[in-house]
Amino acid sequence: ASMALPKPQFFNALNGCGGGDSSVPSLDIVLLNLGAKGWQVGRTPKTGCGEAFGVAQTVVDLDGDGDLDLLQVRPGCNFPFGVVRVLRNDLPKAGGAIALRLVGKAPNTGAIGARVSASIGGVTRQRQIVASGGLGGGGQLQVHFGLGKATEATAVTVHWPGGGTTVVGTVKAGAKAVVQQP
């Protein structure tokens, strides 16, 4: 993304704040990773209140199709009442995915802090269960691994908060598994 603005004003615009300068627009952009082709920049539409800006957002597979969608809660015209925006990922599938929902021991039944590692196409990937995803946002309490051209993830291992490991092993594309802390 580029704009004809000095660098400090450009970063203020990307952050959704004109820094007190009303001539600096607030950008509401979506960046689409095109892999080796780079990034495509898109604008989200204006609301009836003018430019909107994201306050809280999270990624989650809302429609259960194996790809991640974006859920945002934004301030509305009558603050503090907000507007919920769902940006559903309907891009062509570039491969499979797996999802693991972790169930920890009380009092941390959401397994917050757990780390999951998996080997996908010979490369080890890691995900962590987190409780926050930005100002007012929260992470989903499961991990998602895109598999690309791989048909499975191997050496899937859960590292539980406070110690202990569970070796899940191989998980096939499309699987949605629940892993219980022993």
C-alpha atoms as a PDB file:
ATOM      1  CA  ALA A   1       0.000   0.000   0.000  1.00  0.00           C
ATOM      2  CA  SER A   2       1.278   3.428  -0.729  1.00  0.00           C
ATOM      3  CA  MET A   3      -0.042   6.909  -0.249  1.00  0.00           C
ATOM      4  CA  ALA A   4       1.279  10.370  -0.992  1.00  0.00           C
ATOM      5  CA  LEU A   5       1.793  11.120   2.695  1.00  0.00           C
ATOM      6  CA  PRO A   6       4.915  11.683   4.770  1.00  0.00           C
ATOM      7  CA  LYS A   7       5.973   8.546   6.630  1.00  0.00           C
ATOM      8  CA  PRO A   8       4.581   9.489  10.103  1.00  0.00           C
ATOM      9  CA  GLN A   9       1.193  10.414   8.622  1.00  0.00           C
ATOM     10  CA  PHE A  10       1.172   7.220   6.531  1.00  0.00           C
ATOM     11  CA  PHE A  11       1.616   5.079   9.664  1.00  0.00           C
ATOM     12  CA  ASN A  12      -1.079   7.077  11.488  1.00  0.00           C
ATOM     13  CA  ALA A  13      -3.423   6.400   8.563  1.00  0.00           C
ATOM     14  CA  LEU A  14      -2.636   2.676   8.647  1.00  0.00           C
ATOM     15  CA  ASN A  15      -3.354   2.671  12.373  1.00  0.00           C
ATOM     16  CA  GLY A  16      -6.746   4.276  11.701  1.00  0.00           C
ATOM     17  CA  CYS A  17      -5.888   7.574  13.288  1.00  0.00           C
ATOM     18  CA  GLY A  18      -5.176  10.868  11.607  1.00  0.00           C
ATOM     19  CA  GLY A  19      -3.094  11.990  14.578  1.00  0.00           C
ATOM     20  CA  GLY A  20      -5.253  15.112  14.945  1.00  0.00           C
ATOM     21  CA  ASP A  21      -4.793  16.041  11.282  1.00  0.00           C
ATOM     22  CA  SER A  22      -8.223  15.832   9.618  1.00  0.00           C
ATOM     23  CA  SER A  23      -6.591  15.908   6.170  1.00  0.00           C
ATOM     24  CA  VAL A  24      -5.074  12.454   6.847  1.00  0.00           C
ATOM     25  CA  PRO A  25      -7.535   9.721   5.902  1.00  0.00           C
ATOM     26  CA  SER A  26      -8.111   6.723   8.122  1.00  0.00           C
ATOM     27  CA  LEU A  27      -7.482   3.627   6.058  1.00  0.00           C
ATOM     28  CA  ASP A  28      -9.506   0.492   6.572  1.00  0.00           C
ATOM     29  CA  ILE A  29      -7.610  -2.078   4.562  1.00  0.00           C
ATOM     30  CA  VAL A  30      -7.421  -5.811   4.131  1.00  0.00           C
ATOM     31  CA  LEU A  31      -4.111  -7.348   3.045  1.00  0.00           C
ATOM     32  CA  LEU A  32      -4.352 -10.578   1.039  1.00  0.00           C
ATOM     33  CA  ASN A  33      -1.203 -12.734   0.966  1.00  0.00           C
ATOM     34  CA  LEU A  34      -0.693 -13.968  -2.608  1.00  0.00           C
ATOM     35  CA  GLY A  35       2.404 -16.000  -1.711  1.00  0.00           C
ATOM     36  CA  ALA A  36       5.250 -15.491  -4.183  1.00  0.00           C
ATOM     37  CA  LYS A  37       3.206 -12.809  -5.986  1.00  0.00           C
ATOM     38  CA  GLY A  38       3.292 -10.511  -2.943  1.00  0.00           C
ATOM     39  CA  TRP A  39       0.360  -8.773  -1.265  1.00  0.00           C
ATOM     40  CA  GLN A  40      -2.896  -7.422  -2.631  1.00  0.00           C
ATOM     41  CA  VAL A  41      -4.389  -4.465  -0.786  1.00  0.00           C
ATOM     42  CA  GLY A  42      -8.159  -4.018  -0.600  1.00  0.00           C
ATOM     43  CA  ARG A  43     -10.360  -1.436   1.095  1.00  0.00           C
ATOM     44  CA  THR A  44     -13.317  -2.437   3.195  1.00  0.00           C
ATOM     45  CA  PRO A  45     -16.486  -0.473   2.430  1.00  0.00           C
ATOM     46  CA  LYS A  46     -17.509   2.744   4.148  1.00  0.00           C
ATOM     47  CA  THR A  47     -20.311   2.526   6.683  1.00  0.00           C
ATOM     48  CA  GLY A  48     -23.255   4.884   7.041  1.00  0.00           C
ATOM     49  CA  CYS A  49     -21.135   6.655   9.677  1.00  0.00           C
ATOM     50  CA  GLY A  50     -18.232   7.390   7.347  1.00  0.00           C
ATOM     51  CA  GLU A  51     -14.944   5.538   7.514  1.00  0.00           C
ATOM     52  CA  ALA A  52     -15.000   2.648   9.941  1.00  0.00           C
ATOM     53  CA  PHE A  53     -12.048   1.312  11.849  1.00  0.00           C
ATOM     54  CA  GLY A  54     -11.510  -2.058  13.457  1.00  0.00           C
ATOM     55  CA  VAL A  55     -11.524  -2.165  17.228  1.00  0.00           C
ATOM     56  CA  ALA A  56     -11.733  -5.857  18.031  1.00  0.00           C
ATOM     57  CA  GLN A  57     -11.212  -8.711  15.639  1.00  0.00           C
ATOM     58  CA  THR A  58     -10.431 -12.388  15.548  1.00  0.00           C
ATOM     59  CA  VAL A  59      -9.961 -15.090  12.970  1.00  0.00           C
ATOM     60  CA  VAL A  60     -12.161 -18.147  13.249  1.00  0.00           C
ATOM     61  CA  ASP A  61     -13.602 -20.778  10.911  1.00  0.00           C
ATOM     62  CA  LEU A  62     -17.184 -19.516  11.219  1.00  0.00           C
ATOM     63  CA  ASP A  63     -18.664 -21.677   8.471  1.00  0.00           C
ATOM     64  CA  GLY A  64     -16.713 -24.883   9.206  1.00  0.00           C
ATOM     65  CA  ASP A  65     -15.184 -25.086   5.729  1.00  0.00           C
ATOM     66  CA  GLY A  66     -11.551 -25.335   6.873  1.00  0.00           C
ATOM     67  CA  ASP A  67     -10.443 -21.782   6.070  1.00  0.00           C
ATOM     68  CA  LEU A  68     -10.298 -18.860   8.450  1.00  0.00           C
ATOM     69  CA  ASP A  69     -12.798 -15.999   8.368  1.00  0.00           C
ATOM     70  CA  LEU A  70     -12.460 -12.580  10.009  1.00  0.00           C
ATOM     71  CA  LEU A  71     -14.899 -11.328  12.630  1.00  0.00           C
ATOM     72  CA  GLN A  72     -14.738  -7.657  13.621  1.00  0.00           C
ATOM     73  CA  VAL A  73     -16.625  -5.569  16.137  1.00  0.00           C
ATOM     74  CA  ARG A  74     -16.471  -1.861  15.372  1.00  0.00           C
ATOM     75  CA  PRO A  75     -17.907   1.215  17.026  1.00  0.00           C
ATOM     76  CA  GLY A  76     -21.218   2.264  15.531  1.00  0.00           C
ATOM     77  CA  CYS A  77     -22.738   5.666  14.953  1.00  0.00           C
ATOM     78  CA  ASN A  78     -24.178   5.571  18.486  1.00  0.00           C
ATOM     79  CA  PHE A  79     -21.074   4.644  20.482  1.00  0.00           C
ATOM     80  CA  PRO A  80     -20.691   2.399  22.509  1.00  0.00           C
ATOM     81  CA  PHE A  81     -23.076   0.283  20.461  1.00  0.00           C
ATOM     82  CA  GLY A  82     -21.106  -1.550  17.852  1.00  0.00           C
ATOM     83  CA  VAL A  83     -21.412  -3.049  14.440  1.00  0.00           C
ATOM     84  CA  VAL A  84     -20.391  -6.643  13.827  1.00  0.00           C
ATOM     85  CA  ARG A  85     -18.757  -7.307  10.484  1.00  0.00           C
ATOM     86  CA  VAL A  86     -18.066 -10.775   9.135  1.00  0.00           C
ATOM     87  CA  LEU A  87     -15.504 -11.082   6.341  1.00  0.00           C
ATOM     88  CA  ARG A  88     -16.016 -14.637   5.110  1.00  0.00           C
ATOM     89  CA  ASN A  89     -13.104 -16.294   3.348  1.00  0.00           C
ATOM     90  CA  ASP A  90     -14.475 -17.640   0.078  1.00  0.00           C
ATOM     91  CA  LEU A  91     -11.164 -17.746  -1.775  1.00  0.00           C
ATOM     92  CA  PRO A  92     -10.476 -20.873  -3.827  1.00  0.00           C
ATOM     93  CA  LYS A  93      -9.061 -23.621  -1.627  1.00  0.00           C
ATOM     94  CA  ALA A  94      -5.286 -23.910  -1.856  1.00  0.00           C
ATOM     95  CA  GLY A  95      -5.146 -27.114   0.182  1.00  0.00           C
ATOM     96  CA  GLY A  96      -6.516 -28.783   3.265  1.00  0.00           C
ATOM     97  CA  ALA A  97      -6.409 -27.843   6.927  1.00  0.00           C
ATOM     98  CA  ILE A  98      -6.700 -29.376  10.373  1.00  0.00           C
ATOM     99  CA  ALA A  99      -8.168 -27.944  13.560  1.00  0.00           C
ATOM    100  CA  LEU A 100      -7.525 -29.060  17.131  1.00  0.00           C
ATOM    101  CA  ARG A 101      -9.620 -27.971  20.093  1.00  0.00           C
ATOM    102  CA  LEU A 102      -7.724 -28.417  23.326  1.00  0.00           C
ATOM    103  CA  VAL A 103      -9.440 -29.116  26.648  1.00  0.00           C
ATOM    104  CA  GLY A 104      -7.228 -28.380  29.632  1.00  0.00           C
ATOM    105  CA  LYS A 105      -7.574 -29.259  33.305  1.00  0.00           C
ATOM    106  CA  ALA A 106      -9.565 -26.941  35.563  1.00  0.00           C
ATOM    107  CA  PRO A 107      -9.301 -24.071  36.117  1.00  0.00           C
ATOM    108  CA  ASN A 108      -7.687 -23.590  32.658  1.00  0.00           C
ATOM    109  CA  THR A 109     -10.169 -25.657  30.655  1.00  0.00           C
ATOM    110  CA  GLY A 110      -9.543 -23.464  27.592  1.00  0.00           C
ATOM    111  CA  ALA A 111      -5.881 -24.605  27.628  1.00  0.00           C
ATOM    112  CA  ILE A 112      -4.720 -20.989  27.337  1.00  0.00           C
ATOM    113  CA  GLY A 113      -0.957 -20.988  26.889  1.00  0.00           C
ATOM    114  CA  ALA A 114      -0.805 -24.456  25.326  1.00  0.00           C
ATOM    115  CA  ARG A 115       1.491 -24.772  22.318  1.00  0.00           C
ATOM    116  CA  VAL A 116       0.916 -27.203  19.452  1.00  0.00           C
ATOM    117  CA  SER A 117       3.613 -28.231  16.992  1.00  0.00           C
ATOM    118  CA  ALA A 118       3.081 -30.134  13.754  1.00  0.00           C
ATOM    119  CA  SER A 119       5.234 -31.187  10.830  1.00  0.00           C
ATOM    120  CA  ILE A 120       3.647 -30.211   7.513  1.00  0.00           C
ATOM    121  CA  GLY A 121       5.480 -31.074   4.331  1.00  0.00           C
ATOM    122  CA  GLY A 122       8.676 -31.557   6.336  1.00  0.00           C
ATOM    123  CA  VAL A 123       8.485 -28.126   8.010  1.00  0.00           C
ATOM    124  CA  THR A 124       7.628 -27.778  11.706  1.00  0.00           C
ATOM    125  CA  ARG A 125       4.894 -25.227  12.435  1.00  0.00           C
ATOM    126  CA  GLN A 126       3.668 -24.031  15.836  1.00  0.00           C
ATOM    127  CA  ARG A 127       0.504 -22.456  17.170  1.00  0.00           C
ATOM    128  CA  GLN A 128      -0.400 -21.250  20.655  1.00  0.00           C
ATOM    129  CA  ILE A 129      -3.739 -20.849  22.392  1.00  0.00           C
ATOM    130  CA  VAL A 130      -4.062 -17.194  23.408  1.00  0.00           C
ATOM    131  CA  ALA A 131      -6.821 -15.357  25.217  1.00  0.00           C
ATOM    132  CA  SER A 132      -6.508 -12.033  23.420  1.00  0.00           C
ATOM    133  CA  GLY A 133      -6.270 -10.876  19.845  1.00  0.00           C
ATOM    134  CA  GLY A 134      -6.099  -7.111  20.091  1.00  0.00           C
ATOM    135  CA  LEU A 135      -8.007  -4.362  21.822  1.00  0.00           C
ATOM    136  CA  GLY A 136     -11.166  -6.089  23.031  1.00  0.00           C
ATOM    137  CA  GLY A 137     -10.581  -9.083  20.757  1.00  0.00           C
ATOM    138  CA  GLY A 138     -10.112 -12.686  21.705  1.00  0.00           C
ATOM    139  CA  GLY A 139      -8.511 -15.637  20.045  1.00  0.00           C
ATOM    140  CA  GLN A 140     -10.414 -18.764  19.241  1.00  0.00           C
ATOM    141  CA  LEU A 141      -9.648 -21.527  21.697  1.00  0.00           C
ATOM    142  CA  GLN A 142      -8.439 -23.931  19.050  1.00  0.00           C
ATOM    143  CA  VAL A 143      -5.502 -24.160  16.689  1.00  0.00           C
ATOM    144  CA  HIS A 144      -5.724 -24.222  12.910  1.00  0.00           C
ATOM    145  CA  PHE A 145      -3.020 -25.423  10.536  1.00  0.00           C
ATOM    146  CA  GLY A 146      -3.267 -24.890   6.789  1.00  0.00           C
ATOM    147  CA  LEU A 147      -1.690 -27.855   5.021  1.00  0.00           C
ATOM    148  CA  GLY A 148      -1.090 -26.462   1.541  1.00  0.00           C
ATOM    149  CA  LYS A 149      -0.450 -29.430  -0.752  1.00  0.00           C
ATOM    150  CA  ALA A 150       0.209 -31.832   2.151  1.00  0.00           C
ATOM    151  CA  THR A 151      -2.503 -34.402   2.903  1.00  0.00           C
ATOM    152  CA  GLU A 152      -1.697 -34.681   6.604  1.00  0.00           C
ATOM    153  CA  ALA A 153       0.220 -33.189   9.508  1.00  0.00           C
ATOM    154  CA  THR A 154       2.653 -35.502  11.285  1.00  0.00           C
ATOM    155  CA  ALA A 155       4.339 -35.392  14.688  1.00  0.00           C
ATOM    156  CA  VAL A 156       1.451 -33.317  16.064  1.00  0.00           C
ATOM    157  CA  THR A 157       2.300 -32.635  19.706  1.00  0.00           C
ATOM    158  CA  VAL A 158       0.571 -30.572  22.408  1.00  0.00           C
ATOM    159  CA  HIS A 159       2.746 -28.883  25.039  1.00  0.00           C
ATOM    160  CA  TRP A 160       0.401 -28.102  27.929  1.00  0.00           C
ATOM    161  CA  PRO A 161       0.743 -25.021  30.158  1.00  0.00           C
ATOM    162  CA  GLY A 162       2.388 -25.978  33.429  1.00  0.00           C
ATOM    163  CA  GLY A 163       4.181 -28.940  31.825  1.00  0.00           C
ATOM    164  CA  GLY A 164       3.323 -32.203  30.176  1.00  0.00           C
ATOM    165  CA  THR A 165       3.014 -33.246  26.556  1.00  0.00           C
ATOM    166  CA  THR A 166       0.503 -35.188  24.512  1.00  0.00           C
ATOM    167  CA  VAL A 167       1.693 -36.781  21.279  1.00  0.00           C
ATOM    168  CA  VAL A 168      -1.252 -36.823  18.884  1.00  0.00           C
ATOM    169  CA  GLY A 169       0.742 -38.194  15.937  1.00  0.00           C
ATOM    170  CA  THR A 170      -0.635 -37.964  12.400  1.00  0.00           C
ATOM    171  CA  VAL A 171      -3.757 -35.923  11.629  1.00  0.00           C
ATOM    172  CA  LYS A 172      -5.348 -36.158   8.168  1.00  0.00           C
ATOM    173  CA  ALA A 173      -6.524 -33.134   6.184  1.00  0.00           C
ATOM    174  CA  GLY A 174     -10.045 -32.058   7.098  1.00  0.00           C
ATOM    175  CA  ALA A 175      -9.839 -33.426  10.643  1.00  0.00           C
ATOM    176  CA  LYS A 176     -11.326 -31.501  13.551  1.00  0.00           C
ATOM    177  CA  ALA A 177     -10.030 -33.217  16.664  1.00  0.00           C
ATOM    178  CA  VAL A 178     -10.478 -32.639  20.384  1.00  0.00           C
ATOM    179  CA  VAL A 179      -7.419 -33.267  22.567  1.00  0.00           C
ATOM    180  CA  GLN A 180      -7.915 -33.652  26.320  1.00  0.00           C
ATOM    181  CA  GLN A 181      -5.143 -32.826  28.769  1.00  0.00           C
ATOM    182  CA  PRO A 182      -4.265 -36.016  30.672  1.00  0.00           C
END
